[in-house]
Structure formats: C-alpha cells, structure tokens
Protein backbone atom coordinates (compact mmCIF):
# COMPACT_ATOMS: atom_id res chain seq x y z
CA MET A 1 42.71 61.22 8.98
CA GLY A 2 39.61 61.90 10.87
CA PHE A 3 37.26 64.84 10.58
CA ARG A 4 38.50 66.49 13.72
CA ARG A 5 42.22 66.27 12.67
CA ALA A 6 41.32 67.70 9.21
CA LEU A 7 39.44 70.53 10.77
CA ASP A 8 42.44 71.28 13.09
CA VAL A 9 44.86 71.38 10.07
CA CYS A 10 42.50 73.75 8.15
CA CYS A 11 42.54 76.08 11.15
CA ILE A 12 46.43 75.85 11.32
CA ILE A 13 46.74 76.72 7.59
CA SER A 14 44.31 79.69 8.16
CA ARG A 15 46.41 80.98 10.99
CA LEU A 16 49.59 80.75 9.10
CA ALA A 17 48.00 82.58 6.12
CA HIS A 18 46.91 85.40 8.48
CA ALA A 19 50.30 85.53 10.13
CA ARG A 20 51.93 85.84 6.56
CA TRP A 21 49.75 88.72 5.64
CA MET A 22 50.46 90.50 8.99
CA LEU A 23 54.00 90.09 8.30
CA LEU A 24 53.92 91.40 4.70
CA SER A 25 51.57 94.38 5.67
CA GLY A 26 53.82 95.34 8.66
CA GLY A 27 51.01 94.49 11.09
CA SER A 28 48.33 96.69 9.52
CA SER A 29 46.15 93.95 7.91
CA PRO A 30 45.49 90.21 8.56
CA VAL A 31 44.25 89.62 5.06
CA GLY A 32 45.63 90.35 1.59
CA THR A 33 44.85 93.72 0.06
CA PRO A 34 45.22 95.39 -3.35
CA GLU A 35 48.09 97.39 -1.78
CA LEU A 36 49.90 94.06 -1.29
CA GLY A 37 49.51 92.96 -4.82
CA LEU A 38 46.14 91.07 -4.84
CA PRO A 39 43.34 91.91 -7.07
CA GLU A 40 40.50 93.85 -5.55
CA SER A 41 37.66 91.38 -4.68
CA LYS A 42 35.04 93.36 -6.76
CA SER A 43 37.29 93.07 -10.02
CA ALA A 44 38.40 89.37 -9.31
CA PRO A 45 37.23 86.90 -11.91
CA PRO A 46 34.40 84.45 -10.83
CA GLY A 47 35.58 81.07 -9.35
CA GLN A 48 35.64 77.97 -11.52
CA ARG A 49 33.83 74.77 -10.74
CA ALA A 50 36.00 71.82 -10.11
CA ASP A 51 35.75 68.95 -12.62
CA SER A 52 36.06 65.49 -10.98
CA TYR A 53 37.02 64.02 -14.36
CA LEU A 54 40.19 66.08 -14.64
CA PRO A 55 43.38 64.87 -12.94
C-alpha cells in the first residue's frame, strides 16, 4: 500500500467517524461530546506511549 492510498484510507475513516457522531447526536455535533458518553477532554487521562517491544 502506497502512502497516497494510506492517506486516502485515513480520510475515509475520519469521514465515517464524523458521520457516526452526526447520526448519534441527531445532527447537532460532528464530534463526540460528554453528552454522548465520552469523557470531557480536560478530565481525560494522558495518552500512553506505544511500546514497540509489546505485541
């Protein structure tokens, strides 16, 4: 898979995610919100670094 194809697939996945949140929110928000069950971004735990030695 070339870089261009990988980038296209990422964009498609992003569009699908936005469409899902629009469907769940009734068309009011293209992103997940605390009202839809996601944690608020200010209270979310910090991200974890990936470990290349773990499967």
